[in-house]
Amino acid sequence: MIDHGLSLYLTEDELSSEEAYIGGSPLAVTQRPEVVMPTPTAAPWSWDLSTLPTGTTLTVSNEIGDTLEITDLSEPLELVDAGTYQVRLSPPFPWLALDATIEVPDA
C-alpha cells in the first residue's frame, strides 16, 4: 500500500512505492521516470551531461577507489584513462537513480 493521505492500494502485480509516486491532476499512481546514461563519443570518451535532469549528482569511481562527484552538468564527463568505472546518477525526485559500469578501452 502506498499511503500519501489517500487510501490507495496496489496489488503485487502493480508498481511498488519505490517505482511509483502519486502525482498529476487528477491524482494517480505514476511510474517514476528512469534516467538514461548519455551516449558517449569515443576516444576521448566523453559524455554530454547537460541532458540529465537538473539537480542530478554524478559520482564516478575508478578501479582503485578514487571518487569524483559532479554537480555542474554543463561540462562533459571525459574519461581518458583506460579502465573500469562505476557511475551513479542520483537525480532529484521523482527520477530513479541509476548505477552503471563504464569500460574505457585502451586507445
PDB file of N, CA and C in Angstrom:
ATOM      1  N   MET A   1       0.840  -1.179   0.000  1.00  0.00           N
ATOM      2  CA  MET A   1       0.000   0.000   0.000  1.00  0.00           C
ATOM      3  C   MET A   1       0.885   1.243   0.000  1.00  0.00           C
ATOM      4  N   ILE A   2       0.543   2.192  -0.817  1.00  0.00           N
ATOM      5  CA  ILE A   2       1.188   3.498  -0.789  1.00  0.00           C
ATOM      6  C   ILE A   2       0.224   4.425  -0.066  1.00  0.00           C
ATOM      7  N   ASP A   3       0.678   5.099   0.977  1.00  0.00           N
ATOM      8  CA  ASP A   3      -0.212   5.974   1.735  1.00  0.00           C
ATOM      9  C   ASP A   3       0.360   7.383   1.751  1.00  0.00           C
ATOM     10  N   HIS A   4      -0.249   8.246   0.991  1.00  0.00           N
ATOM     11  CA  HIS A   4       0.139   9.656   0.938  1.00  0.00           C
ATOM     12  C   HIS A   4      -1.064  10.518   1.313  1.00  0.00           C
ATOM     13  N   GLY A   5      -1.805  10.078   2.343  1.00  0.00           N
ATOM     14  CA  GLY A   5      -3.005  10.794   2.730  1.00  0.00           C
ATOM     15  C   GLY A   5      -4.222  10.338   1.956  1.00  0.00           C
ATOM     16  N   LEU A   6      -4.027   9.421   1.036  1.00  0.00           N
ATOM     17  CA  LEU A   6      -5.122   8.849   0.267  1.00  0.00           C
ATOM     18  C   LEU A   6      -5.137   7.352   0.505  1.00  0.00           C
ATOM     19  N   SER A   7      -6.289   6.763   0.456  1.00  0.00           N
ATOM     20  CA  SER A   7      -6.360   5.309   0.547  1.00  0.00           C
ATOM     21  C   SER A   7      -6.164   4.766  -0.855  1.00  0.00           C
ATOM     22  N   LEU A   8      -5.000   4.245  -1.110  1.00  0.00           N
ATOM     23  CA  LEU A   8      -4.670   3.735  -2.427  1.00  0.00           C
ATOM     24  C   LEU A   8      -3.926   2.431  -2.239  1.00  0.00           C
ATOM     25  N   TYR A   9      -4.402   1.388  -2.850  1.00  0.00           N
ATOM     26  CA  TYR A   9      -3.797   0.080  -2.685  1.00  0.00           C
ATOM     27  C   TYR A   9      -3.297  -0.419  -4.033  1.00  0.00           C
ATOM     28  N   LEU A  10      -2.122  -0.999  -3.998  1.00  0.00           N
ATOM     29  CA  LEU A  10      -1.556  -1.602  -5.191  1.00  0.00           C
ATOM     30  C   LEU A  10      -1.447  -3.097  -4.970  1.00  0.00           C
ATOM     31  N   THR A  11      -1.757  -3.871  -5.980  1.00  0.00           N
ATOM     32  CA  THR A  11      -1.586  -5.313  -5.875  1.00  0.00           C
ATOM     33  C   THR A  11      -0.124  -5.638  -6.135  1.00  0.00           C
ATOM     34  N   GLU A  12       0.244  -6.901  -5.898  1.00  0.00           N
ATOM     35  CA  GLU A  12       1.638  -7.311  -6.114  1.00  0.00           C
ATOM     36  C   GLU A  12       2.039  -7.175  -7.572  1.00  0.00           C
ATOM     37  N   ASP A  13       1.070  -7.214  -8.484  1.00  0.00           N
ATOM     38  CA  ASP A  13       1.369  -7.107  -9.908  1.00  0.00           C
ATOM     39  C   ASP A  13       1.557  -5.661 -10.356  1.00  0.00           C
ATOM     40  N   GLU A  14       1.236  -4.715  -9.489  1.00  0.00           N
ATOM     41  CA  GLU A  14       1.364  -3.308  -9.839  1.00  0.00           C
ATOM     42  C   GLU A  14       2.679  -2.740  -9.314  1.00  0.00           C
ATOM     43  N   LEU A  15       2.888  -1.477  -9.521  1.00  0.00           N
ATOM     44  CA  LEU A  15       4.139  -0.820  -9.146  1.00  0.00           C
ATOM     45  C   LEU A  15       4.312  -0.739  -7.640  1.00  0.00           C
ATOM     46  N   SER A  16       5.557  -0.843  -7.177  1.00  0.00           N
ATOM     47  CA  SER A  16       5.862  -0.659  -5.760  1.00  0.00           C
ATOM     48  C   SER A  16       6.056   0.831  -5.490  1.00  0.00           C
ATOM     49  N   SER A  17       6.110   1.186  -4.205  1.00  0.00           N
ATOM     50  CA  SER A  17       6.309   2.596  -3.853  1.00  0.00           C
ATOM     51  C   SER A  17       7.696   3.094  -4.249  1.00  0.00           C
ATOM     52  N   GLU A  18       8.634   2.180  -4.505  1.00  0.00           N
ATOM     53  CA  GLU A  18       9.958   2.591  -4.962  1.00  0.00           C
ATOM     54  C   GLU A  18       9.948   2.914  -6.450  1.00  0.00           C
ATOM     55  N   GLU A  19       8.952   2.409  -7.176  1.00  0.00           N
ATOM     56  CA  GLU A  19       8.878   2.610  -8.611  1.00  0.00           C
ATOM     57  C   GLU A  19       7.821   3.623  -9.024  1.00  0.00           C
ATOM     58  N   ALA A  20       6.981   4.040  -8.062  1.00  0.00           N
ATOM     59  CA  ALA A  20       5.866   4.907  -8.418  1.00  0.00           C
ATOM     60  C   ALA A  20       5.656   5.972  -7.358  1.00  0.00           C
ATOM     61  N   TYR A  21       4.900   6.980  -7.721  1.00  0.00           N
ATOM     62  CA  TYR A  21       4.516   8.031  -6.784  1.00  0.00           C
ATOM     63  C   TYR A  21       3.125   8.503  -7.168  1.00  0.00           C
ATOM     64  N   ILE A  22       2.520   9.271  -6.304  1.00  0.00           N
ATOM     65  CA  ILE A  22       1.200   9.802  -6.599  1.00  0.00           C
ATOM     66  C   ILE A  22       1.380  11.234  -7.069  1.00  0.00           C
ATOM     67  N   GLY A  23       0.893  11.520  -8.258  1.00  0.00           N
ATOM     68  CA  GLY A  23       1.060  12.853  -8.800  1.00  0.00           C
ATOM     69  C   GLY A  23       0.115  13.088  -9.953  1.00  0.00           C
ATOM     70  N   GLY A  24       0.233  14.237 -10.535  1.00  0.00           N
ATOM     71  CA  GLY A  24      -0.592  14.591 -11.676  1.00  0.00           C
ATOM     72  C   GLY A  24      -1.922  15.174 -11.253  1.00  0.00           C
ATOM     73  N   SER A  25      -2.701  15.512 -12.245  1.00  0.00           N
ATOM     74  CA  SER A  25      -4.025  16.050 -11.987  1.00  0.00           C
ATOM     75  C   SER A  25      -4.972  15.431 -13.005  1.00  0.00           C
ATOM     76  N   PRO A  26      -5.900  14.596 -12.594  1.00  0.00           N
ATOM     77  CA  PRO A  26      -6.198  14.231 -11.206  1.00  0.00           C
ATOM     78  C   PRO A  26      -5.115  13.317 -10.653  1.00  0.00           C
ATOM     79  N   LEU A  27      -5.062  13.224  -9.313  1.00  0.00           N
ATOM     80  CA  LEU A  27      -4.054  12.384  -8.670  1.00  0.00           C
ATOM     81  C   LEU A  27      -4.167  10.954  -9.165  1.00  0.00           C
ATOM     82  N   ALA A  28      -3.019  10.372  -9.451  1.00  0.00           N
ATOM     83  CA  ALA A  28      -2.971   9.000  -9.941  1.00  0.00           C
ATOM     84  C   ALA A  28      -1.614   8.414  -9.606  1.00  0.00           C
ATOM     85  N   VAL A  29      -1.545   7.086  -9.611  1.00  0.00           N
ATOM     86  CA  VAL A  29      -0.257   6.417  -9.448  1.00  0.00           C
ATOM     87  C   VAL A  29       0.509   6.611 -10.746  1.00  0.00           C
ATOM     88  N   THR A  30       1.704   7.175 -10.640  1.00  0.00           N
ATOM     89  CA  THR A  30       2.529   7.491 -11.799  1.00  0.00           C
ATOM     90  C   THR A  30       3.869   6.790 -11.653  1.00  0.00           C
ATOM     91  N   GLN A  31       4.295   6.101 -12.706  1.00  0.00           N
ATOM     92  CA  GLN A  31       5.592   5.433 -12.660  1.00  0.00           C
ATOM     93  C   GLN A  31       6.693   6.479 -12.634  1.00  0.00           C
ATOM     94  N   ARG A  32       7.702   6.251 -11.758  1.00  0.00           N
ATOM     95  CA  ARG A  32       8.832   7.180 -11.679  1.00  0.00           C
ATOM     96  C   ARG A  32       9.673   7.052 -12.944  1.00  0.00           C
ATOM     97  N   PRO A  33      10.081   8.175 -13.545  1.00  0.00           N
ATOM     98  CA  PRO A  33      10.874   8.110 -14.774  1.00  0.00           C
ATOM     99  C   PRO A  33      12.297   7.623 -14.499  1.00  0.00           C
ATOM    100  N   GLU A  34      12.859   6.950 -15.495  1.00  0.00           N
ATOM    101  CA  GLU A  34      14.229   6.456 -15.386  1.00  0.00           C
ATOM    102  C   GLU A  34      15.182   7.439 -16.055  1.00  0.00           C
ATOM    103  N   VAL A  35      16.360   7.571 -15.469  1.00  0.00           N
ATOM    104  CA  VAL A  35      17.416   8.377 -16.068  1.00  0.00           C
ATOM    105  C   VAL A  35      18.161   7.483 -17.053  1.00  0.00           C
ATOM    106  N   VAL A  36      18.501   8.020 -18.200  1.00  0.00           N
ATOM    107  CA  VAL A  36      19.249   7.270 -19.201  1.00  0.00           C
ATOM    108  C   VAL A  36      20.669   7.821 -19.239  1.00  0.00           C
ATOM    109  N   MET A  37      21.649   6.923 -19.162  1.00  0.00           N
ATOM    110  CA  MET A  37      23.047   7.335 -19.253  1.00  0.00           C
ATOM    111  C   MET A  37      23.293   7.893 -20.651  1.00  0.00           C
ATOM    112  N   PRO A  38      23.834   9.106 -20.749  1.00  0.00           N
ATOM    113  CA  PRO A  38      24.097   9.682 -22.073  1.00  0.00           C
ATOM    114  C   PRO A  38      25.024   8.789 -22.899  1.00  0.00           C
ATOM    115  N   THR A  39      24.877   8.839 -24.211  1.00  0.00           N
ATOM    116  CA  THR A  39      25.716   8.065 -25.119  1.00  0.00           C
ATOM    117  C   THR A  39      27.058   8.776 -25.279  1.00  0.00           C
ATOM    118  N   PRO A  40      28.171   8.028 -25.123  1.00  0.00           N
ATOM    119  CA  PRO A  40      29.487   8.684 -25.216  1.00  0.00           C
ATOM    120  C   PRO A  40      29.956   8.861 -26.652  1.00  0.00           C
ATOM    121  N   THR A  41      30.892   9.784 -26.811  1.00  0.00           N
ATOM    122  CA  THR A  41      31.672   9.851 -28.038  1.00  0.00           C
ATOM    123  C   THR A  41      32.973   9.124 -27.716  1.00  0.00           C
ATOM    124  N   ALA A  42      33.540   8.450 -28.683  1.00  0.00           N
ATOM    125  CA  ALA A  42      34.724   7.630 -28.428  1.00  0.00           C
ATOM    126  C   ALA A  42      36.015   8.406 -28.658  1.00  0.00           C
ATOM    127  N   ALA A  43      37.019   8.053 -27.874  1.00  0.00           N
ATOM    128  CA  ALA A  43      38.414   8.476 -27.996  1.00  0.00           C
ATOM    129  C   ALA A  43      38.593   9.957 -28.281  1.00  0.00           C
ATOM    130  N   PRO A  44      38.578  10.864 -27.339  1.00  0.00           N
ATOM    131  CA  PRO A  44      38.456  10.586 -25.909  1.00  0.00           C
ATOM    132  C   PRO A  44      36.996  10.311 -25.541  1.00  0.00           C
ATOM    133  N   TRP A  45      36.810   9.459 -24.544  1.00  0.00           N
ATOM    134  CA  TRP A  45      35.474   9.085 -24.092  1.00  0.00           C
ATOM    135  C   TRP A  45      34.850  10.270 -23.379  1.00  0.00           C
ATOM    136  N   SER A  46      33.763  10.768 -23.939  1.00  0.00           N
ATOM    137  CA  SER A  46      33.133  11.981 -23.425  1.00  0.00           C
ATOM    138  C   SER A  46      31.613  11.807 -23.406  1.00  0.00           C
ATOM    139  N   TRP A  47      30.990  12.253 -22.314  1.00  0.00           N
ATOM    140  CA  TRP A  47      29.539  12.173 -22.152  1.00  0.00           C
ATOM    141  C   TRP A  47      28.985  13.575 -21.943  1.00  0.00           C
ATOM    142  N   ASP A  48      27.953  13.924 -22.694  1.00  0.00           N
ATOM    143  CA  ASP A  48      27.266  15.204 -22.531  1.00  0.00           C
ATOM    144  C   ASP A  48      26.316  15.067 -21.348  1.00  0.00           C
ATOM    145  N   LEU A  49      26.614  15.735 -20.246  1.00  0.00           N
ATOM    146  CA  LEU A  49      25.815  15.619 -19.029  1.00  0.00           C
ATOM    147  C   LEU A  49      24.636  16.587 -19.008  1.00  0.00           C
ATOM    148  N   SER A  50      24.581  17.509 -19.961  1.00  0.00           N
ATOM    149  CA  SER A  50      23.514  18.516 -19.955  1.00  0.00           C
ATOM    150  C   SER A  50      22.141  17.914 -20.225  1.00  0.00           C
ATOM    151  N   THR A  51      22.096  16.671 -20.687  1.00  0.00           N
ATOM    152  CA  THR A  51      20.815  16.013 -20.958  1.00  0.00           C
ATOM    153  C   THR A  51      20.204  15.397 -19.703  1.00  0.00           C
ATOM    154  N   LEU A  52      20.967  15.363 -18.604  1.00  0.00           N
ATOM    155  CA  LEU A  52      20.463  14.785 -17.354  1.00  0.00           C
ATOM    156  C   LEU A  52      19.528  15.770 -16.655  1.00  0.00           C
ATOM    157  N   PRO A  53      18.611  15.257 -15.819  1.00  0.00           N
ATOM    158  CA  PRO A  53      17.702  16.158 -15.096  1.00  0.00           C
ATOM    159  C   PRO A  53      18.470  17.161 -14.236  1.00  0.00           C
ATOM    160  N   THR A  54      18.009  18.401 -14.208  1.00  0.00           N
ATOM    161  CA  THR A  54      18.617  19.437 -13.376  1.00  0.00           C
ATOM    162  C   THR A  54      18.607  18.990 -11.922  1.00  0.00           C
ATOM    163  N   GLY A  55      19.743  19.151 -11.252  1.00  0.00           N
ATOM    164  CA  GLY A  55      19.857  18.739  -9.857  1.00  0.00           C
ATOM    165  C   GLY A  55      20.463  17.365  -9.671  1.00  0.00           C
ATOM    166  N   THR A  56      20.806  16.695 -10.774  1.00  0.00           N
ATOM    167  CA  THR A  56      21.418  15.366 -10.697  1.00  0.00           C
ATOM    168  C   THR A  56      22.848  15.483 -10.183  1.00  0.00           C
ATOM    169  N   THR A  57      23.238  14.543  -9.334  1.00  0.00           N
ATOM    170  CA  THR A  57      24.625  14.406  -8.903  1.00  0.00           C
ATOM    171  C   THR A  57      25.182  13.154  -9.563  1.00  0.00           C
ATOM    172  N   LEU A  58      26.354  13.275 -10.168  1.00  0.00           N
ATOM    173  CA  LEU A  58      27.029  12.159 -10.822  1.00  0.00           C
ATOM    174  C   LEU A  58      28.250  11.806  -9.994  1.00  0.00           C
ATOM    175  N   THR A  59      28.349  10.546  -9.590  1.00  0.00           N
ATOM    176  CA  THR A  59      29.506  10.072  -8.833  1.00  0.00           C
ATOM    177  C   THR A  59      30.220   9.028  -9.676  1.00  0.00           C
ATOM    178  N   VAL A  60      31.521   9.225  -9.895  1.00  0.00           N
ATOM    179  CA  VAL A  60      32.332   8.320 -10.703  1.00  0.00           C
ATOM    180  C   VAL A  60      33.463   7.792  -9.837  1.00  0.00           C
ATOM    181  N   SER A  61      33.624   6.461  -9.804  1.00  0.00           N
ATOM    182  CA  SER A  61      34.711   5.827  -9.046  1.00  0.00           C
ATOM    183  C   SER A  61      35.534   4.975  -9.994  1.00  0.00           C
ATOM    184  N   ASN A  62      36.874   5.050  -9.848  1.00  0.00           N
ATOM    185  CA  ASN A  62      37.730   4.217 -10.688  1.00  0.00           C
ATOM    186  C   ASN A  62      38.084   2.923  -9.956  1.00  0.00           C
ATOM    187  N   GLU A  63      38.925   2.107 -10.583  1.00  0.00           N
ATOM    188  CA  GLU A  63      39.257   0.783 -10.049  1.00  0.00           C
ATOM    189  C   GLU A  63      39.982   0.826  -8.713  1.00  0.00           C
ATOM    190  N   ILE A  64      40.716   1.909  -8.429  1.00  0.00           N
ATOM    191  CA  ILE A  64      41.454   1.959  -7.160  1.00  0.00           C
ATOM    192  C   ILE A  64      40.684   2.696  -6.071  1.00  0.00           C
ATOM    193  N   GLY A  65      39.464   3.128  -6.403  1.00  0.00           N
ATOM    194  CA  GLY A  65      38.615   3.733  -5.383  1.00  0.00           C
ATOM    195  C   GLY A  65      38.588   5.244  -5.344  1.00  0.00           C
ATOM    196  N   ASP A  66      39.321   5.904  -6.256  1.00  0.00           N
ATOM    197  CA  ASP A  66      39.232   7.368  -6.329  1.00  0.00           C
ATOM    198  C   ASP A  66      37.827   7.738  -6.795  1.00  0.00           C
ATOM    199  N   THR A  67      37.230   8.709  -6.121  1.00  0.00           N
ATOM    200  CA  THR A  67      35.851   9.089  -6.427  1.00  0.00           C
ATOM    201  C   THR A  67      35.771  10.564  -6.779  1.00  0.00           C
ATOM    202  N   LEU A  68      34.984  10.861  -7.792  1.00  0.00           N
ATOM    203  CA  LEU A  68      34.738  12.226  -8.232  1.00  0.00           C
ATOM    204  C   LEU A  68      33.235  12.454  -8.214  1.00  0.00           C
ATOM    205  N   GLU A  69      32.792  13.540  -7.581  1.00  0.00           N
ATOM    206  CA  GLU A  69      31.372  13.892  -7.561  1.00  0.00           C
ATOM    207  C   GLU A  69      31.167  15.139  -8.412  1.00  0.00           C
ATOM    208  N   ILE A  70      30.234  15.058  -9.349  1.00  0.00           N
ATOM    209  CA  ILE A  70      29.983  16.151 -10.283  1.00  0.00           C
ATOM    210  C   ILE A  70      28.554  16.646 -10.098  1.00  0.00           C
ATOM    211  N   THR A  71      28.414  17.951  -9.876  1.00  0.00           N
ATOM    212  CA  THR A  71      27.082  18.553  -9.785  1.00  0.00           C
ATOM    213  C   THR A  71      26.859  19.586 -10.886  1.00  0.00           C
ATOM    214  N   ASP A  72      27.953  20.060 -11.516  1.00  0.00           N
ATOM    215  CA  ASP A  72      27.854  21.007 -12.627  1.00  0.00           C
ATOM    216  C   ASP A  72      27.718  20.200 -13.914  1.00  0.00           C
ATOM    217  N   LEU A  73      26.504  20.100 -14.417  1.00  0.00           N
ATOM    218  CA  LEU A  73      26.245  19.267 -15.587  1.00  0.00           C
ATOM    219  C   LEU A  73      26.455  20.004 -16.903  1.00  0.00           C
ATOM    220  N   SER A  74      26.985  21.230 -16.844  1.00  0.00           N
ATOM    221  CA  SER A  74      27.210  21.997 -18.069  1.00  0.00           C
ATOM    222  C   SER A  74      28.486  21.559 -18.783  1.00  0.00           C
ATOM    223  N   GLU A  75      29.385  20.899 -18.071  1.00  0.00           N
ATOM    224  CA  GLU A  75      30.630  20.403 -18.666  1.00  0.00           C
ATOM    225  C   GLU A  75      30.496  18.906 -18.947  1.00  0.00           C
ATOM    226  N   PRO A  76      31.109  18.407 -20.020  1.00  0.00           N
ATOM    227  CA  PRO A  76      31.030  16.968 -20.292  1.00  0.00           C
ATOM    228  C   PRO A  76      31.900  16.168 -19.322  1.00  0.00           C
ATOM    229  N   LEU A  77      31.554  14.907 -19.146  1.00  0.00           N
ATOM    230  CA  LEU A  77      32.397  13.970 -18.403  1.00  0.00           C
ATOM    231  C   LEU A  77      33.361  13.366 -19.411  1.00  0.00           C
ATOM    232  N   GLU A  78      34.663  13.483 -19.150  1.00  0.00           N
ATOM    233  CA  GLU A  78      35.667  12.912 -20.037  1.00  0.00           C
ATOM    234  C   GLU A  78      36.519  11.935 -19.253  1.00  0.00           C
ATOM    235  N   LEU A  79      36.580  10.704 -19.739  1.00  0.00           N
ATOM    236  CA  LEU A  79      37.413   9.670 -19.125  1.00  0.00           C
ATOM    237  C   LEU A  79      38.513   9.329 -20.122  1.00  0.00           C
ATOM    238  N   VAL A  80      39.747   9.657 -19.779  1.00  0.00           N
ATOM    239  CA  VAL A  80      40.858   9.469 -20.714  1.00  0.00           C
ATOM    240  C   VAL A  80      41.689   8.240 -20.386  1.00  0.00           C
ATOM    241  N   ASP A  81      41.632   7.763 -19.148  1.00  0.00           N
ATOM    242  CA  ASP A  81      42.414   6.593 -18.755  1.00  0.00           C
ATOM    243  C   ASP A  81      41.594   5.328 -18.949  1.00  0.00           C
ATOM    244  N   ALA A  82      42.229   4.312 -19.555  1.00  0.00           N
ATOM    245  CA  ALA A  82      41.556   3.028 -19.739  1.00  0.00           C
ATOM    246  C   ALA A  82      41.247   2.419 -18.377  1.00  0.00           C
ATOM    247  N   GLY A  83      40.152   1.702 -18.303  1.00  0.00           N
ATOM    248  CA  GLY A  83      39.793   1.039 -17.054  1.00  0.00           C
ATOM    249  C   GLY A  83      38.298   0.900 -16.898  1.00  0.00           C
ATOM    250  N   THR A  84      37.922   0.406 -15.731  1.00  0.00           N
ATOM    251  CA  THR A  84      36.517   0.208 -15.393  1.00  0.00           C
ATOM    252  C   THR A  84      36.104   1.270 -14.388  1.00  0.00           C
ATOM    253  N   TYR A  85      35.001   1.916 -14.646  1.00  0.00           N
ATOM    254  CA  TYR A  85      34.492   2.977 -13.784  1.00  0.00           C
ATOM    255  C   TYR A  85      33.078   2.626 -13.323  1.00  0.00           C
ATOM    256  N   GLN A  86      32.808   2.879 -12.061  1.00  0.00           N
ATOM    257  CA  GLN A  86      31.457   2.739 -11.519  1.00  0.00           C
ATOM    258  C   GLN A  86      30.834   4.128 -11.509  1.00  0.00           C
ATOM    259  N   VAL A  87      29.635   4.235 -12.035  1.00  0.00           N
ATOM    260  CA  VAL A  87      28.950   5.520 -12.136  1.00  0.00           C
ATOM    261  C   VAL A  87      27.612   5.422 -11.419  1.00  0.00           C
ATOM    262  N   ARG A  88      27.305   6.443 -10.640  1.00  0.00           N
ATOM    263  CA  ARG A  88      25.985   6.540 -10.001  1.00  0.00           C
ATOM    264  C   ARG A  88      25.389   7.892 -10.360  1.00  0.00           C
ATOM    265  N   LEU A  89      24.215   7.846 -10.976  1.00  0.00           N
ATOM    266  CA  LEU A  89      23.451   9.051 -11.270  1.00  0.00           C
ATOM    267  C   LEU A  89      22.379   9.169 -10.196  1.00  0.00           C
ATOM    268  N   SER A  90      22.414  10.253  -9.441  1.00  0.00           N
ATOM    269  CA  SER A  90      21.449  10.494  -8.361  1.00  0.00           C
ATOM    270  C   SER A  90      20.628  11.731  -8.715  1.00  0.00           C
ATOM    271  N   PRO A  91      19.528  11.527  -9.429  1.00  0.00           N
ATOM    272  CA  PRO A  91      18.693  12.658  -9.824  1.00  0.00           C
ATOM    273  C   PRO A  91      17.708  13.026  -8.720  1.00  0.00           C
ATOM    274  N   PRO A  92      17.093  14.194  -8.824  1.00  0.00           N
ATOM    275  CA  PRO A  92      16.069  14.572  -7.850  1.00  0.00           C
ATOM    276  C   PRO A  92      14.795  13.742  -8.054  1.00  0.00           C
ATOM    277  N   PHE A  93      13.957  13.711  -7.027  1.00  0.00           N
ATOM    278  CA  PHE A  93      12.673  13.027  -7.118  1.00  0.00           C
ATOM    279  C   PHE A  93      11.838  13.712  -8.191  1.00  0.00           C
ATOM    280  N   PRO A  94      11.124  13.020  -9.019  1.00  0.00           N
ATOM    281  CA  PRO A  94      10.724  11.624  -8.927  1.00  0.00           C
ATOM    282  C   PRO A  94      11.595  10.671  -9.726  1.00  0.00           C
ATOM    283  N   TRP A  95      12.679  11.142 -10.327  1.00  0.00           N
ATOM    284  CA  TRP A  95      13.540  10.292 -11.151  1.00  0.00           C
ATOM    285  C   TRP A  95      14.132   9.157 -10.324  1.00  0.00           C
ATOM    286  N   LEU A  96      14.342   8.000 -10.956  1.00  0.00           N
ATOM    287  CA  LEU A  96      15.007   6.863 -10.322  1.00  0.00           C
ATOM    288  C   LEU A  96      16.514   7.004 -10.496  1.00  0.00           C
ATOM    289  N   ALA A  97      17.273   6.618  -9.482  1.00  0.00           N
ATOM    290  CA  ALA A  97      18.738   6.627  -9.571  1.00  0.00           C
ATOM    291  C   ALA A  97      19.189   5.532 -10.538  1.00  0.00           C
ATOM    292  N   LEU A  98      20.402   5.668 -11.024  1.00  0.00           N
ATOM    293  CA  LEU A  98      20.956   4.699 -11.966  1.00  0.00           C
ATOM    294  C   LEU A  98      22.385   4.381 -11.569  1.00  0.00           C
ATOM    295  N   ASP A  99      22.709   3.093 -11.524  1.00  0.00           N
ATOM    296  CA  ASP A  99      24.079   2.630 -11.323  1.00  0.00           C
ATOM    297  C   ASP A  99      24.526   1.970 -12.616  1.00  0.00           C
ATOM    298  N   ALA A 100      25.739   2.295 -13.064  1.00  0.00           N
ATOM    299  CA  ALA A 100      26.245   1.736 -14.315  1.00  0.00           C
ATOM    300  C   ALA A 100      27.738   1.481 -14.199  1.00  0.00           C
ATOM    301  N   THR A 101      28.222   0.575 -15.023  1.00  0.00           N
ATOM    302  CA  THR A 101      29.649   0.301 -15.146  1.00  0.00           C
ATOM    303  C   THR A 101      30.075   0.741 -16.537  1.00  0.00           C
ATOM    304  N   ILE A 102      31.150   1.519 -16.595  1.00  0.00           N
ATOM    305  CA  ILE A 102      31.677   2.001 -17.872  1.00  0.00           C
ATOM    306  C   ILE A 102      33.053   1.388 -18.080  1.00  0.00           C
ATOM    307  N   GLU A 103      33.246   0.779 -19.235  1.00  0.00           N
ATOM    308  CA  GLU A 103      34.546   0.221 -19.617  1.00  0.00           C
ATOM    309  C   GLU A 103      35.177   1.157 -20.643  1.00  0.00           C
ATOM    310  N   VAL A 104      36.333   1.712 -20.315  1.00  0.00           N
ATOM    311  CA  VAL A 104      37.065   2.559 -21.255  1.00  0.00           C
ATOM    312  C   VAL A 104      38.245   1.735 -21.762  1.00  0.00           C
ATOM    313  N   PRO A 105      38.249   1.388 -23.060  1.00  0.00           N
ATOM    314  CA  PRO A 105      39.321   0.554 -23.603  1.00  0.00           C
ATOM    315  C   PRO A 105      40.621   1.337 -23.790  1.00  0.00           C
ATOM    316  N   ASP A 106      41.713   0.583 -23.945  1.00  0.00           N
ATOM    317  CA  ASP A 106      42.991   1.218 -24.278  1.00  0.00           C
ATOM    318  C   ASP A 106      42.855   1.906 -25.629  1.00  0.00           C
ATOM    319  N   ALA A 107      43.526   3.032 -25.772  1.00  0.00           N
ATOM    320  CA  ALA A 107      43.432   3.803 -27.026  1.00  0.00           C
ATOM    321  C   ALA A 107      44.091   3.101 -28.167  1.00  0.00           C
TER     322      ALA A 107
END
